[in-house]
């Protein structure tokens, strides 16, 4: 993790929130301790193939950022990818209207 050109090795908290597409209510959190050179690591295993999202929650230097990324585990169909993208759009829309789950 960096801030400008500096490695951030003193984050107050780094947590990964992971959920399967269309199953945000089943999200789980993993703490990610600092490893070295601004790299925070955590590990998990996935039992089910599918489209997943990971959102990193970082609190460091009086800032909080929450970048989100989509990824796949195993084999997924085009329909599953499309459904995941639709779920992501709905989630973003709900967040913009002030609705939270």
N, C-alpha and C. Protein backbone atom coordinates (compact mmCIF):
# COMPACT_ATOMS: atom_id res chain seq x y z
N UNK A 1 0.86 -1.15 0.00
CA UNK A 1 0.00 0.00 0.00
C UNK A 1 0.91 1.22 0.00
N UNK A 2 0.51 2.21 -0.78
CA UNK A 2 1.30 3.43 -0.84
C UNK A 2 0.41 4.65 -0.64
N UNK A 3 1.04 5.71 -0.21
CA UNK A 3 0.41 7.02 -0.15
C UNK A 3 1.40 7.95 -0.82
N UNK A 4 1.03 8.44 -2.00
CA UNK A 4 2.00 9.15 -2.82
C UNK A 4 3.05 8.15 -3.27
N UNK A 5 4.30 8.42 -2.99
CA UNK A 5 5.38 7.49 -3.33
C UNK A 5 5.88 6.71 -2.13
N UNK A 6 5.26 6.93 -0.95
CA UNK A 6 5.72 6.29 0.28
C UNK A 6 4.95 5.01 0.59
N UNK A 7 5.67 3.95 0.96
CA UNK A 7 5.02 2.73 1.44
C UNK A 7 4.38 3.01 2.78
N UNK A 8 3.15 2.54 2.96
CA UNK A 8 2.45 2.70 4.23
C UNK A 8 2.64 1.41 5.03
N UNK A 9 3.44 1.53 6.07
CA UNK A 9 3.73 0.37 6.91
C UNK A 9 3.09 0.51 8.29
N UNK A 10 2.33 1.60 8.49
CA UNK A 10 1.78 1.88 9.81
C UNK A 10 0.26 2.06 9.78
N UNK A 11 -0.43 1.32 8.91
CA UNK A 11 -1.89 1.43 8.84
C UNK A 11 -2.49 1.01 10.17
N UNK A 12 -3.54 1.71 10.57
CA UNK A 12 -4.24 1.35 11.80
C UNK A 12 -5.01 0.05 11.62
N UNK A 13 -5.57 -0.14 10.42
CA UNK A 13 -6.36 -1.35 10.16
C UNK A 13 -6.41 -1.62 8.66
N UNK A 14 -6.20 -2.89 8.30
CA UNK A 14 -6.40 -3.34 6.92
C UNK A 14 -7.21 -4.63 7.01
N UNK A 15 -8.40 -4.61 6.42
CA UNK A 15 -9.30 -5.76 6.45
C UNK A 15 -9.84 -6.01 5.06
N UNK A 16 -9.91 -7.27 4.67
CA UNK A 16 -10.51 -7.65 3.40
C UNK A 16 -11.91 -8.18 3.66
N UNK A 17 -12.90 -7.60 2.97
CA UNK A 17 -14.28 -8.08 3.03
C UNK A 17 -14.54 -8.82 1.72
N UNK A 18 -14.95 -10.08 1.81
CA UNK A 18 -15.10 -10.92 0.62
C UNK A 18 -16.51 -11.51 0.59
N UNK A 19 -17.13 -11.49 -0.60
CA UNK A 19 -18.44 -12.10 -0.75
C UNK A 19 -18.63 -12.60 -2.17
N UNK A 20 -19.48 -13.61 -2.29
CA UNK A 20 -19.85 -14.13 -3.60
C UNK A 20 -20.92 -13.22 -4.19
N UNK A 21 -20.87 -13.02 -5.50
CA UNK A 21 -21.84 -12.16 -6.17
C UNK A 21 -23.25 -12.57 -5.79
N UNK A 22 -24.09 -11.60 -5.55
CA UNK A 22 -25.48 -11.79 -5.14
C UNK A 22 -25.63 -12.36 -3.73
N UNK A 23 -24.54 -12.39 -2.96
CA UNK A 23 -24.60 -12.91 -1.59
C UNK A 23 -23.86 -11.99 -0.62
N UNK A 24 -24.02 -10.69 -0.81
CA UNK A 24 -23.34 -9.71 0.04
C UNK A 24 -23.64 -9.93 1.51
N UNK A 25 -24.84 -10.42 1.81
CA UNK A 25 -25.22 -10.65 3.20
C UNK A 25 -24.38 -11.75 3.85
N UNK A 26 -23.66 -12.54 3.06
CA UNK A 26 -22.81 -13.61 3.59
C UNK A 26 -21.33 -13.21 3.56
N UNK A 27 -21.06 -11.93 3.42
CA UNK A 27 -19.67 -11.46 3.37
C UNK A 27 -18.93 -11.84 4.66
N UNK A 28 -17.64 -12.08 4.51
CA UNK A 28 -16.81 -12.35 5.68
C UNK A 28 -15.59 -11.44 5.64
N UNK A 29 -15.03 -11.19 6.82
CA UNK A 29 -13.89 -10.29 6.96
C UNK A 29 -12.64 -11.06 7.34
N UNK A 30 -11.52 -10.62 6.78
CA UNK A 30 -10.22 -11.19 7.11
C UNK A 30 -9.28 -10.04 7.44
N UNK A 31 -8.66 -10.09 8.61
CA UNK A 31 -7.66 -9.09 8.95
C UNK A 31 -6.41 -9.35 8.13
N UNK A 32 -5.76 -8.27 7.69
CA UNK A 32 -4.55 -8.38 6.88
C UNK A 32 -3.41 -7.65 7.58
N UNK A 33 -2.57 -8.38 8.29
CA UNK A 33 -1.45 -7.73 8.97
C UNK A 33 -0.37 -7.29 7.99
N UNK A 34 0.43 -6.32 8.42
CA UNK A 34 1.53 -5.82 7.60
C UNK A 34 2.58 -6.91 7.48
N UNK A 35 3.05 -7.14 6.27
CA UNK A 35 4.11 -8.12 6.02
C UNK A 35 5.45 -7.39 5.91
N UNK A 36 5.60 -6.61 4.84
CA UNK A 36 6.82 -5.82 4.66
C UNK A 36 6.62 -4.86 3.49
N UNK A 37 7.38 -3.79 3.48
CA UNK A 37 7.38 -2.83 2.37
C UNK A 37 5.99 -2.35 1.97
N UNK A 38 5.11 -2.14 2.94
CA UNK A 38 3.76 -1.66 2.63
C UNK A 38 2.82 -2.72 2.11
N UNK A 39 3.20 -3.99 2.21
CA UNK A 39 2.36 -5.09 1.75
C UNK A 39 1.66 -5.71 2.95
N UNK A 40 0.32 -5.80 2.83
CA UNK A 40 -0.52 -6.40 3.86
C UNK A 40 -1.09 -7.68 3.27
N UNK A 41 -0.99 -8.79 4.00
CA UNK A 41 -1.37 -10.10 3.45
C UNK A 41 -2.42 -10.79 4.31
N UNK A 42 -3.26 -11.57 3.63
CA UNK A 42 -4.22 -12.44 4.30
C UNK A 42 -4.49 -13.59 3.36
N UNK A 43 -4.98 -14.68 3.87
CA UNK A 43 -5.28 -15.84 3.04
C UNK A 43 -6.62 -16.44 3.38
N UNK A 44 -7.21 -17.08 2.39
CA UNK A 44 -8.46 -17.80 2.59
C UNK A 44 -8.59 -18.84 1.49
N UNK A 45 -9.54 -19.72 1.62
CA UNK A 45 -9.83 -20.74 0.61
C UNK A 45 -11.28 -20.59 0.17
N UNK A 46 -11.55 -20.99 -1.07
CA UNK A 46 -12.90 -20.93 -1.61
C UNK A 46 -13.35 -22.34 -1.95
N UNK A 47 -14.53 -22.70 -1.46
CA UNK A 47 -15.08 -24.04 -1.69
C UNK A 47 -15.87 -24.07 -2.99
N UNK A 48 -16.53 -22.96 -3.31
CA UNK A 48 -17.46 -22.90 -4.43
C UNK A 48 -16.92 -22.01 -5.54
N UNK A 49 -16.98 -22.52 -6.79
CA UNK A 49 -16.64 -21.68 -7.94
C UNK A 49 -17.64 -20.55 -8.03
N UNK A 50 -17.22 -19.44 -8.61
CA UNK A 50 -18.15 -18.34 -8.82
C UNK A 50 -17.44 -17.02 -8.97
N UNK A 51 -18.24 -15.98 -9.06
CA UNK A 51 -17.75 -14.61 -9.15
C UNK A 51 -17.82 -14.02 -7.75
N UNK A 52 -16.73 -13.44 -7.33
CA UNK A 52 -16.62 -12.88 -6.00
C UNK A 52 -16.19 -11.42 -6.07
N UNK A 53 -16.38 -10.73 -4.95
CA UNK A 53 -15.90 -9.37 -4.79
C UNK A 53 -15.03 -9.32 -3.55
N UNK A 54 -14.00 -8.49 -3.61
CA UNK A 54 -13.18 -8.22 -2.43
C UNK A 54 -13.11 -6.71 -2.29
N UNK A 55 -13.42 -6.26 -1.08
CA UNK A 55 -13.33 -4.83 -0.78
C UNK A 55 -12.35 -4.68 0.36
N UNK A 56 -11.33 -3.88 0.13
CA UNK A 56 -10.32 -3.64 1.14
C UNK A 56 -10.72 -2.43 1.96
N UNK A 57 -10.72 -2.58 3.27
CA UNK A 57 -11.01 -1.48 4.18
C UNK A 57 -9.69 -1.10 4.84
N UNK A 58 -9.21 0.09 4.52
CA UNK A 58 -7.93 0.55 5.03
C UNK A 58 -8.12 1.85 5.81
N UNK A 59 -7.65 1.84 7.04
CA UNK A 59 -7.62 3.05 7.84
C UNK A 59 -6.15 3.32 8.15
N UNK A 60 -5.67 4.46 7.63
CA UNK A 60 -4.27 4.82 7.84
C UNK A 60 -4.11 6.32 7.68
N UNK A 61 -3.33 6.89 8.56
CA UNK A 61 -2.97 8.30 8.46
C UNK A 61 -4.19 9.21 8.32
N UNK A 62 -5.17 8.99 9.18
CA UNK A 62 -6.39 9.79 9.22
C UNK A 62 -7.23 9.70 7.95
N UNK A 63 -7.09 8.63 7.20
CA UNK A 63 -7.88 8.41 5.99
C UNK A 63 -8.48 7.01 6.03
N UNK A 64 -9.63 6.85 5.37
CA UNK A 64 -10.24 5.53 5.22
C UNK A 64 -10.59 5.35 3.75
N UNK A 65 -10.05 4.29 3.14
CA UNK A 65 -10.34 3.99 1.73
C UNK A 65 -10.89 2.58 1.63
N UNK A 66 -11.74 2.36 0.61
CA UNK A 66 -12.42 1.07 0.46
C UNK A 66 -12.46 0.65 -1.01
N UNK A 67 -11.32 0.39 -1.63
CA UNK A 67 -11.36 -0.06 -3.03
C UNK A 67 -11.98 -1.45 -3.15
N UNK A 68 -12.66 -1.70 -4.27
CA UNK A 68 -13.35 -2.98 -4.47
C UNK A 68 -12.93 -3.56 -5.82
N UNK A 69 -12.79 -4.89 -5.87
CA UNK A 69 -12.40 -5.57 -7.09
C UNK A 69 -13.21 -6.86 -7.26
N UNK A 70 -13.56 -7.17 -8.48
CA UNK A 70 -14.26 -8.43 -8.81
C UNK A 70 -13.22 -9.45 -9.24
N UNK A 71 -13.44 -10.74 -8.89
CA UNK A 71 -12.56 -11.80 -9.34
C UNK A 71 -13.35 -13.10 -9.45
N UNK A 72 -12.80 -14.07 -10.17
CA UNK A 72 -13.49 -15.35 -10.32
C UNK A 72 -12.68 -16.46 -9.67
N UNK A 73 -13.42 -17.47 -9.21
CA UNK A 73 -12.83 -18.67 -8.64
C UNK A 73 -13.33 -19.84 -9.47
N UNK A 74 -12.41 -20.62 -10.02
CA UNK A 74 -12.80 -21.79 -10.81
C UNK A 74 -13.45 -21.40 -12.13
N UNK A 75 -14.39 -22.21 -12.56
CA UNK A 75 -15.08 -22.01 -13.83
C UNK A 75 -16.39 -21.27 -13.61
N UNK A 76 -16.62 -20.23 -14.39
CA UNK A 76 -17.88 -19.49 -14.33
C UNK A 76 -18.41 -19.31 -15.74
N UNK A 77 -19.72 -19.19 -15.83
CA UNK A 77 -20.37 -19.00 -17.13
C UNK A 77 -20.52 -17.51 -17.44
N UNK A 78 -20.82 -17.22 -18.68
CA UNK A 78 -21.09 -15.84 -19.07
C UNK A 78 -22.29 -15.30 -18.31
N UNK A 79 -23.30 -16.15 -18.06
CA UNK A 79 -24.49 -15.73 -17.30
C UNK A 79 -24.11 -15.33 -15.87
N UNK A 80 -23.19 -16.09 -15.25
CA UNK A 80 -22.76 -15.76 -13.90
C UNK A 80 -22.02 -14.42 -13.88
N UNK A 81 -21.18 -14.18 -14.88
CA UNK A 81 -20.48 -12.90 -14.97
C UNK A 81 -21.45 -11.74 -15.14
N UNK A 82 -22.44 -11.93 -16.02
CA UNK A 82 -23.43 -10.89 -16.25
C UNK A 82 -24.24 -10.62 -14.98
N UNK A 83 -24.65 -11.68 -14.30
CA UNK A 83 -25.42 -11.54 -13.07
C UNK A 83 -24.60 -10.81 -12.00
N UNK A 84 -23.31 -11.10 -11.91
CA UNK A 84 -22.45 -10.43 -10.93
C UNK A 84 -22.34 -8.95 -11.24
N UNK A 85 -22.19 -8.61 -12.51
CA UNK A 85 -22.10 -7.20 -12.88
C UNK A 85 -23.40 -6.47 -12.57
N UNK A 86 -24.53 -7.12 -12.81
CA UNK A 86 -25.83 -6.51 -12.49
C UNK A 86 -25.97 -6.31 -10.99
N UNK A 87 -25.53 -7.30 -10.20
CA UNK A 87 -25.60 -7.18 -8.75
C UNK A 87 -24.73 -6.03 -8.26
N UNK A 88 -23.57 -5.85 -8.88
CA UNK A 88 -22.68 -4.76 -8.49
C UNK A 88 -23.31 -3.41 -8.80
N UNK A 89 -23.96 -3.30 -9.93
CA UNK A 89 -24.63 -2.05 -10.31
C UNK A 89 -25.76 -1.75 -9.32
N UNK A 90 -26.55 -2.78 -8.96
CA UNK A 90 -27.63 -2.58 -7.99
C UNK A 90 -27.09 -2.13 -6.65
N UNK A 91 -25.99 -2.73 -6.22
CA UNK A 91 -25.39 -2.38 -4.94
C UNK A 91 -24.92 -0.92 -4.94
N UNK A 92 -24.28 -0.51 -6.03
CA UNK A 92 -23.82 0.88 -6.14
C UNK A 92 -25.01 1.83 -6.12
N UNK A 93 -26.09 1.46 -6.83
CA UNK A 93 -27.28 2.31 -6.87
C UNK A 93 -27.91 2.44 -5.49
N UNK A 94 -27.97 1.34 -4.77
CA UNK A 94 -28.55 1.35 -3.42
C UNK A 94 -27.72 2.24 -2.50
N UNK A 95 -26.40 2.17 -2.64
CA UNK A 95 -25.52 3.00 -1.83
C UNK A 95 -25.70 4.47 -2.10
N UNK A 96 -25.97 4.80 -3.36
CA UNK A 96 -26.14 6.20 -3.74
C UNK A 96 -27.46 6.76 -3.24
N UNK A 97 -28.45 5.88 -3.05
CA UNK A 97 -29.75 6.36 -2.59
C UNK A 97 -29.84 6.37 -1.06
N UNK A 98 -28.75 5.98 -0.41
CA UNK A 98 -28.73 6.03 1.05
C UNK A 98 -29.19 4.73 1.70
N UNK A 99 -29.47 3.70 0.91
CA UNK A 99 -29.87 2.42 1.47
C UNK A 99 -28.62 1.59 1.77
N UNK A 100 -28.58 1.02 2.94
CA UNK A 100 -27.43 0.19 3.32
C UNK A 100 -27.94 -1.13 3.84
N UNK A 101 -27.18 -2.19 3.59
CA UNK A 101 -27.57 -3.54 4.03
C UNK A 101 -26.82 -3.92 5.25
